[in-house]
Protein backbone atom coordinates (compact mmCIF):
# COMPACT_ATOMS: atom_id res chain seq x y z
CA MET A 1 164.01 -24.79 -19.61
CA LYS A 2 163.78 -22.35 -22.59
CA GLY A 3 162.69 -19.09 -20.52
CA VAL A 4 165.31 -19.96 -17.88
CA SER A 5 167.91 -19.38 -20.13
CA GLY A 6 166.34 -17.00 -21.67
CA VAL A 7 166.10 -14.75 -18.33
CA GLN A 8 170.08 -15.33 -17.22
CA GLU A 9 170.76 -14.13 -20.28
CA GLU A 10 168.73 -10.77 -20.28
CA ASN A 11 170.55 -10.41 -16.68
CA PHE A 12 174.14 -11.21 -18.06
CA PHE A 13 173.70 -8.57 -21.22
CA LYS A 14 171.89 -6.08 -18.12
CA GLY A 15 174.84 -7.15 -16.33
CA MET A 16 177.25 -6.14 -18.67
CA VAL A 17 175.71 -2.81 -19.25
CA TRP A 18 176.13 -1.56 -15.90
CA ALA A 19 179.67 -2.85 -16.14
CA THR A 20 180.18 -0.84 -19.17
CA LEU A 21 178.57 2.18 -17.65
CA LEU A 22 180.57 1.60 -14.49
CA SER A 23 183.99 1.36 -15.38
CA ILE A 24 184.06 3.86 -18.30
CA PRO A 25 183.57 7.02 -15.70
CA LEU A 26 186.73 4.68 -13.41
CA TRP A 27 188.56 4.21 -16.87
CA LEU A 28 188.60 7.87 -17.31
CA SER A 29 189.84 9.07 -13.33
CA PHE A 30 192.68 6.76 -13.80
CA PHE A 31 193.55 7.96 -16.95
CA GLY A 32 193.17 11.26 -15.32
CA TRP A 33 195.01 10.87 -12.78
CA ILE A 34 197.91 9.08 -14.15
CA LYS A 35 197.88 12.13 -16.55
CA MET A 36 198.04 14.73 -13.51
CA THR A 37 201.04 13.05 -12.21
CA ILE A 38 202.86 13.08 -14.89
CA ASN A 39 202.48 16.39 -15.22
CA LEU A 40 203.25 16.39 -11.69
CA MET A 41 206.00 15.16 -11.84
CA LYS A 42 207.35 17.42 -14.45
CA TYR A 43 207.48 20.92 -11.83
CA LEU A 44 209.35 18.73 -9.46
């Protein structure tokens, strides 16, 4: 029983690491698109 929960916790932490690594570039690109859109709106 103890080994099973250890594996689940390990997978959970691996998933959290991957989610963080993948979400940071997504957030950066999201804010980049917002900034670019605001700058374009200034010129229109």
